[in-house]
Amino acid sequence: MHVDLLGAVLRDPLGMTGSALLGLVTVMAILAPALSGYPPDLYTGQILSPPSAWHPLGTDSVGQDIWSRLLWGARTSLLVGAAVALISTSISVIIGTTTAIFGGLYERFWMRAVDAMLAIPPIIVMILVAAYLRPNLLVLILLLSALSWPGGARICRAQTLSLLERTHLSAAATFGAGWRHIIRRHILPDLTPIMLALTVGAARRAIFMEAGLSFLGVSDPTMVSWGKIMQQALQFTYLDVWRWWLVPTGLALSLTLVSLSLLGFALEGAMDPRLDGGQRHGDTRSSHA
């Protein structure tokens, strides 16, 4: 499966839109120290003040600048999403490819573990564990990664089993190629599109779950998070402050999730040519009509 993924994403309007939105959020997160006029936890001396030249989104109930916290919250969300995506996808690829190659008891053990983990709703496990541990950022990343890999492992295993039936892999094994060589030289290149799709999906779920846990109040209280900002803003919906406190944060989270979803759709179209082909045939029929 050798696909020009970058070209396919850039040619797809959904992919271009998703890339632009994600790039905007990423730039805001990277430049947070320069774009924010105050540290996120600094008490400015003004409580629940409306937007002004000094505070573009006003201040919250403890006198902190909302714009600064919004930018630093983007850092937290993107860091969690990227770290969980890389770790969980790596585990999925390792477990999926090795179970397909080795088979036997090794495969049965890991596939039954995958079935068991997929049967348990991860959000329930996260809430229960987080309620007792109150995880910091590192523990939260590891916990989300540990619960995010089973679905991807099953997909990688199925694709690896399909690849192993191809002639060039059979020839490589016949001429004495080891399993490391087969994975590195033959399987991983063909799994790259699927790995990218798994990475995007894992990042989207991780950002959503991190915000959800923070919103529920079962995360590190010292961590700046979009979910925690929205939780605090909801306590003051009877005031006009929600318009510059709750809405911008909700929009930032929504745009980030939408951008990753659009990238996922673009990658799906690149990996399955039948989708683009069907669309082209439909356009042709419409033009003839």
C-alpha atoms as a PDB file:
ATOM      1  CA  MET A   1       0.000   0.000   0.000  1.00  0.00           C
ATOM      2  CA  HIS A   2       2.242   2.758  -1.286  1.00  0.00           C
ATOM      3  CA  VAL A   3       0.213   5.962  -1.265  1.00  0.00           C
ATOM      4  CA  ASP A   4       1.216   9.587  -1.615  1.00  0.00           C
ATOM      5  CA  LEU A   5      -0.473  10.539   1.640  1.00  0.00           C
ATOM      6  CA  LEU A   6       0.763  14.107   1.780  1.00  0.00           C
ATOM      7  CA  GLY A   7      -0.380  14.808  -1.766  1.00  0.00           C
ATOM      8  CA  ALA A   8      -3.721  13.108  -1.157  1.00  0.00           C
ATOM      9  CA  VAL A   9      -4.386  15.137   1.999  1.00  0.00           C
ATOM     10  CA  LEU A  10      -3.409  18.428   0.353  1.00  0.00           C
ATOM     11  CA  ARG A  11      -5.642  17.718  -2.649  1.00  0.00           C
ATOM     12  CA  ASP A  12      -8.614  16.892  -0.446  1.00  0.00           C
ATOM     13  CA  PRO A  13     -10.618  19.962   0.686  1.00  0.00           C
ATOM     14  CA  LEU A  14     -11.371  18.258   3.997  1.00  0.00           C
ATOM     15  CA  GLY A  15      -7.704  17.453   4.493  1.00  0.00           C
ATOM     16  CA  MET A  16      -6.650  21.008   3.696  1.00  0.00           C
ATOM     17  CA  THR A  17      -9.222  22.429   6.095  1.00  0.00           C
ATOM     18  CA  GLY A  18      -8.202  20.029   8.850  1.00  0.00           C
ATOM     19  CA  SER A  19      -4.523  20.767   8.321  1.00  0.00           C
ATOM     20  CA  ALA A  20      -5.138  24.524   8.459  1.00  0.00           C
ATOM     21  CA  LEU A  21      -7.188  24.318  11.663  1.00  0.00           C
ATOM     22  CA  LEU A  22      -4.731  21.990  13.367  1.00  0.00           C
ATOM     23  CA  GLY A  23      -1.827  24.159  12.243  1.00  0.00           C
ATOM     24  CA  LEU A  24      -3.503  27.233  13.716  1.00  0.00           C
ATOM     25  CA  VAL A  25      -4.026  25.553  17.096  1.00  0.00           C
ATOM     26  CA  THR A  26      -0.469  24.220  17.042  1.00  0.00           C
ATOM     27  CA  VAL A  27       1.010  27.651  16.332  1.00  0.00           C
ATOM     28  CA  MET A  28      -1.058  29.130  19.167  1.00  0.00           C
ATOM     29  CA  ALA A  29       0.224  26.445  21.534  1.00  0.00           C
ATOM     30  CA  ILE A  30       3.865  26.840  20.502  1.00  0.00           C
ATOM     31  CA  LEU A  31       3.758  30.634  20.718  1.00  0.00           C
ATOM     32  CA  ALA A  32       1.749  30.692  23.949  1.00  0.00           C
ATOM     33  CA  PRO A  33       4.491  32.464  25.973  1.00  0.00           C
ATOM     34  CA  ALA A  34       4.727  35.197  23.329  1.00  0.00           C
ATOM     35  CA  LEU A  35       0.994  35.542  22.601  1.00  0.00           C
ATOM     36  CA  SER A  36      -0.152  35.563  26.207  1.00  0.00           C
ATOM     37  CA  GLY A  37       0.511  38.673  28.219  1.00  0.00           C
ATOM     38  CA  TYR A  38       0.452  36.882  31.566  1.00  0.00           C
ATOM     39  CA  PRO A  39       1.437  33.504  33.017  1.00  0.00           C
ATOM     40  CA  PRO A  40      -1.624  31.228  33.134  1.00  0.00           C
ATOM     41  CA  ASP A  41      -1.724  31.071  36.953  1.00  0.00           C
ATOM     42  CA  LEU A  42      -0.947  34.734  37.660  1.00  0.00           C
ATOM     43  CA  TYR A  43      -3.427  36.715  39.752  1.00  0.00           C
ATOM     44  CA  THR A  44      -4.036  39.919  37.820  1.00  0.00           C
ATOM     45  CA  GLY A  45      -5.993  41.733  40.530  1.00  0.00           C
ATOM     46  CA  GLN A  46      -9.166  41.846  38.422  1.00  0.00           C
ATOM     47  CA  ILE A  47     -11.932  39.301  38.944  1.00  0.00           C
ATOM     48  CA  LEU A  48     -14.531  38.473  36.281  1.00  0.00           C
ATOM     49  CA  SER A  49     -13.563  41.520  34.267  1.00  0.00           C
ATOM     50  CA  PRO A  50     -14.879  41.778  30.676  1.00  0.00           C
ATOM     51  CA  PRO A  51     -12.600  41.671  27.626  1.00  0.00           C
ATOM     52  CA  SER A  52     -10.291  44.642  27.299  1.00  0.00           C
ATOM     53  CA  ALA A  53      -7.055  45.678  25.627  1.00  0.00           C
ATOM     54  CA  TRP A  54      -5.081  44.131  28.507  1.00  0.00           C
ATOM     55  CA  HIS A  55      -7.226  41.002  28.751  1.00  0.00           C
ATOM     56  CA  PRO A  56      -8.637  39.994  25.318  1.00  0.00           C
ATOM     57  CA  LEU A  57     -11.001  37.427  26.877  1.00  0.00           C
ATOM     58  CA  GLY A  58     -11.329  39.014  30.296  1.00  0.00           C
ATOM     59  CA  THR A  59     -10.424  37.340  33.585  1.00  0.00           C
ATOM     60  CA  ASP A  60     -11.920  34.415  35.490  1.00  0.00           C
ATOM     61  CA  SER A  61     -13.253  34.060  39.017  1.00  0.00           C
ATOM     62  CA  VAL A  62      -9.769  34.034  40.587  1.00  0.00           C
ATOM     63  CA  GLY A  63      -8.384  36.900  38.522  1.00  0.00           C
ATOM     64  CA  GLN A  64      -6.462  34.857  35.958  1.00  0.00           C
ATOM     65  CA  ASP A  65      -6.241  35.937  32.325  1.00  0.00           C
ATOM     66  CA  ILE A  66      -8.560  33.684  30.287  1.00  0.00           C
ATOM     67  CA  TRP A  67      -6.690  34.221  26.999  1.00  0.00           C
ATOM     68  CA  SER A  68      -3.438  33.039  28.590  1.00  0.00           C
ATOM     69  CA  ARG A  69      -5.107  29.972  30.074  1.00  0.00           C
ATOM     70  CA  LEU A  70      -6.720  29.201  26.715  1.00  0.00           C
ATOM     71  CA  LEU A  71      -3.323  29.228  24.990  1.00  0.00           C
ATOM     72  CA  TRP A  72      -1.610  27.143  27.653  1.00  0.00           C
ATOM     73  CA  GLY A  73      -4.545  24.749  27.661  1.00  0.00           C
ATOM     74  CA  ALA A  74      -3.873  24.177  23.961  1.00  0.00           C
ATOM     75  CA  ARG A  75      -0.353  23.082  24.912  1.00  0.00           C
ATOM     76  CA  THR A  76      -1.722  20.533  27.360  1.00  0.00           C
ATOM     77  CA  SER A  77      -4.259  19.122  24.895  1.00  0.00           C
ATOM     78  CA  LEU A  78      -1.815  18.824  21.995  1.00  0.00           C
ATOM     79  CA  LEU A  79       0.904  17.336  24.203  1.00  0.00           C
ATOM     80  CA  VAL A  80      -1.458  14.704  25.562  1.00  0.00           C
ATOM     81  CA  GLY A  81      -2.846  13.956  22.108  1.00  0.00           C
ATOM     82  CA  ALA A  82       0.558  13.636  20.434  1.00  0.00           C
ATOM     83  CA  ALA A  83       2.140  11.569  23.214  1.00  0.00           C
ATOM     84  CA  VAL A  84      -0.791   9.163  23.557  1.00  0.00           C
ATOM     85  CA  ALA A  85      -1.036   8.792  19.776  1.00  0.00           C
ATOM     86  CA  LEU A  86       2.653   7.891  19.406  1.00  0.00           C
ATOM     87  CA  ILE A  87       2.743   5.491  22.358  1.00  0.00           C
ATOM     88  CA  SER A  88      -0.539   3.713  21.659  1.00  0.00           C
ATOM     89  CA  THR A  89       0.132   3.397  17.924  1.00  0.00           C
ATOM     90  CA  SER A  90       3.591   1.966  18.602  1.00  0.00           C
ATOM     91  CA  ILE A  91       2.113  -0.632  20.948  1.00  0.00           C
ATOM     92  CA  SER A  92      -0.610  -1.455  18.408  1.00  0.00           C
ATOM     93  CA  VAL A  93       1.916  -1.994  15.626  1.00  0.00           C
ATOM     94  CA  ILE A  94       4.237  -4.115  17.777  1.00  0.00           C
ATOM     95  CA  ILE A  95       1.477  -6.345  19.156  1.00  0.00           C
ATOM     96  CA  GLY A  96      -0.431  -6.545  15.871  1.00  0.00           C
ATOM     97  CA  THR A  97       2.511  -7.461  13.643  1.00  0.00           C
ATOM     98  CA  THR A  98       4.194  -9.900  16.024  1.00  0.00           C
ATOM     99  CA  THR A  99       0.988 -11.814  16.788  1.00  0.00           C
ATOM    100  CA  ALA A 100       0.330 -12.227  13.063  1.00  0.00           C
ATOM    101  CA  ILE A 101       3.878 -13.481  12.440  1.00  0.00           C
ATOM    102  CA  PHE A 102       4.396 -15.739  15.462  1.00  0.00           C
ATOM    103  CA  GLY A 103       0.871 -17.065  15.948  1.00  0.00           C
ATOM    104  CA  GLY A 104       0.298 -19.898  18.408  1.00  0.00           C
ATOM    105  CA  LEU A 105      -0.015 -19.314  22.143  1.00  0.00           C
ATOM    106  CA  TYR A 106       1.526 -15.846  21.844  1.00  0.00           C
ATOM    107  CA  GLU A 107      -1.188 -14.755  19.429  1.00  0.00           C
ATOM    108  CA  ARG A 108      -4.018 -16.305  21.462  1.00  0.00           C
ATOM    109  CA  PHE A 109      -2.842 -14.600  24.656  1.00  0.00           C
ATOM    110  CA  TRP A 110      -2.667 -11.115  23.160  1.00  0.00           C
ATOM    111  CA  MET A 111      -5.882 -11.434  21.144  1.00  0.00           C
ATOM    112  CA  ARG A 112      -7.818 -12.540  24.242  1.00  0.00           C
ATOM    113  CA  ALA A 113      -6.299  -9.586  26.110  1.00  0.00           C
ATOM    114  CA  VAL A 114      -7.438  -7.304  23.289  1.00  0.00           C
ATOM    115  CA  ASP A 115     -10.955  -8.766  23.425  1.00  0.00           C
ATOM    116  CA  ALA A 116     -11.118  -8.239  27.178  1.00  0.00           C
ATOM    117  CA  MET A 117      -9.895  -4.647  26.981  1.00  0.00           C
ATOM    118  CA  LEU A 118     -12.277  -3.786  24.150  1.00  0.00           C
ATOM    119  CA  ALA A 119     -15.198  -5.133  26.192  1.00  0.00           C
ATOM    120  CA  ILE A 120     -14.504  -2.663  29.020  1.00  0.00           C
ATOM    121  CA  PRO A 121     -15.490   0.986  28.365  1.00  0.00           C
ATOM    122  CA  PRO A 122     -12.215   2.926  28.703  1.00  0.00           C
ATOM    123  CA  ILE A 123     -13.913   6.049  30.047  1.00  0.00           C
ATOM    124  CA  ILE A 124     -15.223   4.085  33.053  1.00  0.00           C
ATOM    125  CA  VAL A 125     -11.756   2.736  33.811  1.00  0.00           C
ATOM    126  CA  MET A 126     -10.247   6.200  33.405  1.00  0.00           C
ATOM    127  CA  ILE A 127     -12.721   7.782  35.810  1.00  0.00           C
ATOM    128  CA  LEU A 128     -12.238   5.096  38.449  1.00  0.00           C
ATOM    129  CA  VAL A 129      -8.436   5.145  38.258  1.00  0.00           C
ATOM    130  CA  ALA A 130      -8.186   8.919  38.012  1.00  0.00           C
ATOM    131  CA  ALA A 131     -10.525   9.400  40.975  1.00  0.00           C
ATOM    132  CA  TYR A 132      -8.030   7.554  43.192  1.00  0.00           C
ATOM    133  CA  LEU A 133      -4.742   8.608  41.612  1.00  0.00           C
ATOM    134  CA  ARG A 134      -5.501  12.193  40.526  1.00  0.00           C
ATOM    135  CA  PRO A 135      -2.877  11.605  37.808  1.00  0.00           C
ATOM    136  CA  ASN A 136      -0.378  14.229  36.780  1.00  0.00           C
ATOM    137  CA  LEU A 137       0.337  14.828  33.104  1.00  0.00           C
ATOM    138  CA  LEU A 138       2.772  11.914  32.719  1.00  0.00           C
ATOM    139  CA  VAL A 139       0.549   9.390  34.490  1.00  0.00           C
ATOM    140  CA  LEU A 140      -2.444  10.596  32.477  1.00  0.00           C
ATOM    141  CA  ILE A 141      -0.558  10.066  29.205  1.00  0.00           C
ATOM    142  CA  LEU A 142       0.535   6.562  30.215  1.00  0.00           C
ATOM    143  CA  LEU A 143      -2.952   5.656  31.404  1.00  0.00           C
ATOM    144  CA  LEU A 144      -4.608   6.852  28.205  1.00  0.00           C
ATOM    145  CA  SER A 145      -1.992   5.045  26.124  1.00  0.00           C
ATOM    146  CA  ALA A 146      -2.560   1.787  28.002  1.00  0.00           C
ATOM    147  CA  LEU A 147      -6.269   1.928  27.157  1.00  0.00           C
ATOM    148  CA  SER A 148      -5.985   3.118  23.546  1.00  0.00           C
ATOM    149  CA  TRP A 149      -3.953   0.426  21.760  1.00  0.00           C
ATOM    150  CA  PRO A 150      -6.203  -2.703  21.547  1.00  0.00           C
ATOM    151  CA  GLY A 151      -8.341  -1.605  18.599  1.00  0.00           C
ATOM    152  CA  GLY A 152      -5.308  -0.605  16.579  1.00  0.00           C
ATOM    153  CA  ALA A 153      -3.553  -3.877  17.389  1.00  0.00           C
ATOM    154  CA  ARG A 154      -6.438  -5.842  15.911  1.00  0.00           C
ATOM    155  CA  ILE A 155      -6.352  -3.730  12.734  1.00  0.00           C
ATOM    156  CA  CYS A 156      -2.562  -4.119  12.366  1.00  0.00           C
ATOM    157  CA  ARG A 157      -2.817  -7.865  12.900  1.00  0.00           C
ATOM    158  CA  ALA A 158      -5.489  -8.247  10.209  1.00  0.00           C
ATOM    159  CA  GLN A 159      -3.472  -6.184   7.723  1.00  0.00           C
ATOM    160  CA  THR A 160      -0.255  -8.055   8.533  1.00  0.00           C
ATOM    161  CA  LEU A 161      -1.974 -11.405   7.952  1.00  0.00           C
ATOM    162  CA  SER A 162      -3.074 -10.103   4.554  1.00  0.00           C
ATOM    163  CA  LEU A 163       0.437  -8.927   3.733  1.00  0.00           C
ATOM    164  CA  LEU A 164       1.998 -12.255   4.722  1.00  0.00           C
ATOM    165  CA  GLU A 165       0.061 -13.967   1.940  1.00  0.00           C
ATOM    166  CA  ARG A 166       1.740 -11.864  -0.737  1.00  0.00           C
ATOM    167  CA  THR A 167       4.362 -13.396  -2.976  1.00  0.00           C
ATOM    168  CA  HIS A 168       7.299 -11.109  -2.144  1.00  0.00           C
ATOM    169  CA  LEU A 169       6.944 -11.814   1.603  1.00  0.00           C
ATOM    170  CA  SER A 170       6.786 -15.554   0.999  1.00  0.00           C
ATOM    171  CA  ALA A 171       9.905 -15.281  -1.150  1.00  0.00           C
ATOM    172  CA  ALA A 172      11.720 -13.297   1.535  1.00  0.00           C
ATOM    173  CA  ALA A 173      10.906 -15.901   4.164  1.00  0.00           C
ATOM    174  CA  THR A 174      11.919 -18.724   1.807  1.00  0.00           C
ATOM    175  CA  PHE A 175      15.346 -17.158   1.270  1.00  0.00           C
ATOM    176  CA  GLY A 176      15.959 -16.970   5.000  1.00  0.00           C
ATOM    177  CA  ALA A 177      14.890 -13.461   5.939  1.00  0.00           C
ATOM    178  CA  GLY A 178      14.305 -13.119   9.683  1.00  0.00           C
ATOM    179  CA  TRP A 179      11.130 -11.736  11.210  1.00  0.00           C
ATOM    180  CA  ARG A 180      12.832  -8.448  12.123  1.00  0.00           C
ATOM    181  CA  HIS A 181      13.886  -7.949   8.506  1.00  0.00           C
ATOM    182  CA  ILE A 182      10.407  -8.814   7.228  1.00  0.00           C
ATOM    183  CA  ILE A 183       8.739  -6.375   9.606  1.00  0.00           C
ATOM    184  CA  ARG A 184      11.204  -3.552   8.994  1.00  0.00           C
ATOM    185  CA  ARG A 185      11.602  -3.882   5.228  1.00  0.00           C
ATOM    186  CA  HIS A 186       8.248  -5.212   4.040  1.00  0.00           C
ATOM    187  CA  ILE A 187       5.439  -4.894   6.587  1.00  0.00           C
ATOM    188  CA  LEU A 188       6.019  -1.490   8.184  1.00  0.00           C
ATOM    189  CA  PRO A 189       6.225   0.402   4.843  1.00  0.00           C
ATOM    190  CA  ASP A 190       2.875  -1.054   3.828  1.00  0.00           C
ATOM    191  CA  LEU A 191       1.386  -0.331   7.247  1.00  0.00           C
ATOM    192  CA  THR A 192       2.393   3.350   7.186  1.00  0.00           C
ATOM    193  CA  PRO A 193      -0.991   4.696   5.976  1.00  0.00           C
ATOM    194  CA  ILE A 194      -2.829   2.653   8.586  1.00  0.00           C
ATOM    195  CA  MET A 195      -0.382   3.763  11.265  1.00  0.00           C
ATOM    196  CA  LEU A 196      -1.015   7.407  10.388  1.00  0.00           C
ATOM    197  CA  ALA A 197      -4.768   6.889  10.514  1.00  0.00           C
ATOM    198  CA  LEU A 198      -4.450   5.178  13.901  1.00  0.00           C
ATOM    199  CA  THR A 199      -2.280   8.037  15.142  1.00  0.00           C
ATOM    200  CA  VAL A 200      -4.835  10.671  14.146  1.00  0.00           C
ATOM    201  CA  GLY A 201      -7.697   8.704  15.709  1.00  0.00           C
ATOM    202  CA  ALA A 202      -5.782   8.092  18.935  1.00  0.00           C
ATOM    203  CA  ALA A 203      -4.861  11.777  19.219  1.00  0.00           C
ATOM    204  CA  ARG A 204      -8.489  12.822  18.793  1.00  0.00           C
ATOM    205  CA  ARG A 205      -9.728  10.392  21.449  1.00  0.00           C
ATOM    206  CA  ALA A 206      -6.928  11.346  23.860  1.00  0.00           C
ATOM    207  CA  ILE A 207      -7.659  15.076  23.592  1.00  0.00           C
ATOM    208  CA  PHE A 208     -11.363  14.457  24.137  1.00  0.00           C
ATOM    209  CA  MET A 209     -10.803  12.139  27.119  1.00  0.00           C
ATOM    210  CA  GLU A 210      -8.277  14.474  28.749  1.00  0.00           C
ATOM    211  CA  ALA A 211     -10.722  17.369  28.463  1.00  0.00           C
ATOM    212  CA  GLY A 212     -13.533  15.167  29.752  1.00  0.00           C
ATOM    213  CA  LEU A 213     -11.600  14.016  32.802  1.00  0.00           C
ATOM    214  CA  SER A 214     -10.563  17.566  33.594  1.00  0.00           C
ATOM    215  CA  PHE A 215     -14.157  18.701  33.179  1.00  0.00           C
ATOM    216  CA  LEU A 216     -15.255  16.035  35.669  1.00  0.00           C
ATOM    217  CA  GLY A 217     -12.580  17.185  38.116  1.00  0.00           C
ATOM    218  CA  VAL A 218     -10.650  13.900  38.303  1.00  0.00           C
ATOM    219  CA  SER A 219      -7.328  15.167  36.934  1.00  0.00           C
ATOM    220  CA  ASP A 220      -4.399  17.085  38.359  1.00  0.00           C
ATOM    221  CA  PRO A 221      -5.888  20.343  39.727  1.00  0.00           C
ATOM    222  CA  THR A 222      -2.671  22.246  38.949  1.00  0.00           C
ATOM    223  CA  MET A 223      -2.780  21.365  35.238  1.00  0.00           C
ATOM    224  CA  VAL A 224      -4.115  23.998  32.830  1.00  0.00           C
ATOM    225  CA  SER A 225      -6.723  22.229  30.715  1.00  0.00           C
ATOM    226  CA  TRP A 226      -9.568  23.237  28.435  1.00  0.00           C
ATOM    227  CA  GLY A 227     -11.857  20.860  30.295  1.00  0.00           C
ATOM    228  CA  LYS A 228     -11.083  22.458  33.647  1.00  0.00           C
ATOM    229  CA  ILE A 229     -11.596  25.949  32.197  1.00  0.00           C
ATOM    230  CA  MET A 230     -15.067  24.955  30.982  1.00  0.00           C
ATOM    231  CA  GLN A 231     -15.881  23.336  34.322  1.00  0.00           C
ATOM    232  CA  GLN A 232     -15.020  26.554  36.141  1.00  0.00           C
ATOM    233  CA  ALA A 233     -16.924  28.695  33.632  1.00  0.00           C
ATOM    234  CA  LEU A 234     -20.122  26.668  34.023  1.00  0.00           C
ATOM    235  CA  GLN A 235     -20.383  27.797  37.628  1.00  0.00           C
ATOM    236  CA  PHE A 236     -20.948  31.375  36.421  1.00  0.00           C
ATOM    237  CA  THR A 237     -23.433  30.882  33.590  1.00  0.00           C
ATOM    238  CA  TYR A 238     -25.835  33.226  35.356  1.00  0.00           C
ATOM    239  CA  LEU A 239     -23.412  36.062  34.535  1.00  0.00           C
ATOM    240  CA  ASP A 240     -22.386  37.421  31.142  1.00  0.00           C
ATOM    241  CA  VAL A 241     -18.859  36.153  31.769  1.00  0.00           C
ATOM    242  CA  TRP A 242     -19.687  32.800  30.119  1.00  0.00           C
ATOM    243  CA  ARG A 243     -19.647  34.493  26.707  1.00  0.00           C
ATOM    244  CA  TRP A 244     -15.909  35.187  26.840  1.00  0.00           C
ATOM    245  CA  TRP A 245     -14.975  32.369  29.232  1.00  0.00           C
ATOM    246  CA  LEU A 246     -16.929  29.258  28.237  1.00  0.00           C
ATOM    247  CA  VAL A 247     -17.625  29.814  24.534  1.00  0.00           C
ATOM    248  CA  PRO A 248     -14.034  30.486  23.293  1.00  0.00           C
ATOM    249  CA  THR A 249     -12.710  27.465  25.183  1.00  0.00           C
ATOM    250  CA  GLY A 250     -15.443  25.226  23.832  1.00  0.00           C
ATOM    251  CA  LEU A 251     -14.781  26.469  20.312  1.00  0.00           C
ATOM    252  CA  ALA A 252     -11.045  25.834  20.639  1.00  0.00           C
ATOM    253  CA  LEU A 253     -11.647  22.250  21.787  1.00  0.00           C
ATOM    254  CA  SER A 254     -14.264  21.668  19.088  1.00  0.00           C
ATOM    255  CA  LEU A 255     -12.069  23.039  16.309  1.00  0.00           C
ATOM    256  CA  THR A 256      -9.175  20.841  17.412  1.00  0.00           C
ATOM    257  CA  LEU A 257     -11.335  17.714  17.395  1.00  0.00           C
ATOM    258  CA  VAL A 258     -12.924  18.670  14.064  1.00  0.00           C
ATOM    259  CA  SER A 259      -9.507  19.266  12.476  1.00  0.00           C
ATOM    260  CA  LEU A 260      -8.339  15.790  13.469  1.00  0.00           C
ATOM    261  CA  SER A 261     -11.595  14.274  12.217  1.00  0.00           C
ATOM    262  CA  LEU A 262     -11.173  15.992   8.849  1.00  0.00           C
ATOM    263  CA  LEU A 263      -7.604  14.705   8.590  1.00  0.00           C
ATOM    264  CA  GLY A 264      -8.900  11.226   9.384  1.00  0.00           C
ATOM    265  CA  PHE A 265     -11.470  11.467   6.589  1.00  0.00           C
ATOM    266  CA  ALA A 266      -8.784  12.601   4.152  1.00  0.00           C
ATOM    267  CA  LEU A 267      -6.501   9.717   5.134  1.00  0.00           C
ATOM    268  CA  GLU A 268      -9.386   7.283   4.766  1.00  0.00           C
ATOM    269  CA  GLY A 269      -9.969   8.496   1.230  1.00  0.00           C
ATOM    270  CA  ALA A 270      -6.262   8.183   0.416  1.00  0.00           C
ATOM    271  CA  MET A 271      -6.076   4.622   1.751  1.00  0.00           C
ATOM    272  CA  ASP A 272      -9.236   3.451  -0.024  1.00  0.00           C
ATOM    273  CA  PRO A 273      -9.140   4.552  -3.692  1.00  0.00           C
ATOM    274  CA  ARG A 274     -12.672   3.187  -4.143  1.00  0.00           C
ATOM    275  CA  LEU A 275     -14.008   6.192  -2.210  1.00  0.00           C
ATOM    276  CA  ASP A 276     -12.443   8.720  -4.576  1.00  0.00           C
ATOM    277  CA  GLY A 277     -13.225   6.499  -7.523  1.00  0.00           C
ATOM    278  CA  GLY A 278     -16.872   6.277  -6.590  1.00  0.00           C
ATOM    279  CA  GLN A 279     -17.038  10.016  -6.200  1.00  0.00           C
ATOM    280  CA  ARG A 280     -15.430  10.577  -9.603  1.00  0.00           C
ATOM    281  CA  HIS A 281     -17.838   8.113 -11.248  1.00  0.00           C
ATOM    282  CA  GLY A 282     -20.738   9.872  -9.579  1.00  0.00           C
ATOM    283  CA  ASP A 283     -19.522  13.239 -10.865  1.00  0.00           C
ATOM    284  CA  THR A 284     -19.166  11.770 -14.360  1.00  0.00           C
ATOM    285  CA  ARG A 285     -22.677  10.384 -14.332  1.00  0.00           C
ATOM    286  CA  SER A 286     -24.019  13.705 -13.112  1.00  0.00           C
ATOM    287  CA  SER A 287     -22.254  15.583 -15.915  1.00  0.00           C
ATOM    288  CA  HIS A 288     -23.627  13.185 -18.556  1.00  0.00           C
ATOM    289  CA  ALA A 289     -27.123  13.592 -17.163  1.00  0.00           C
END
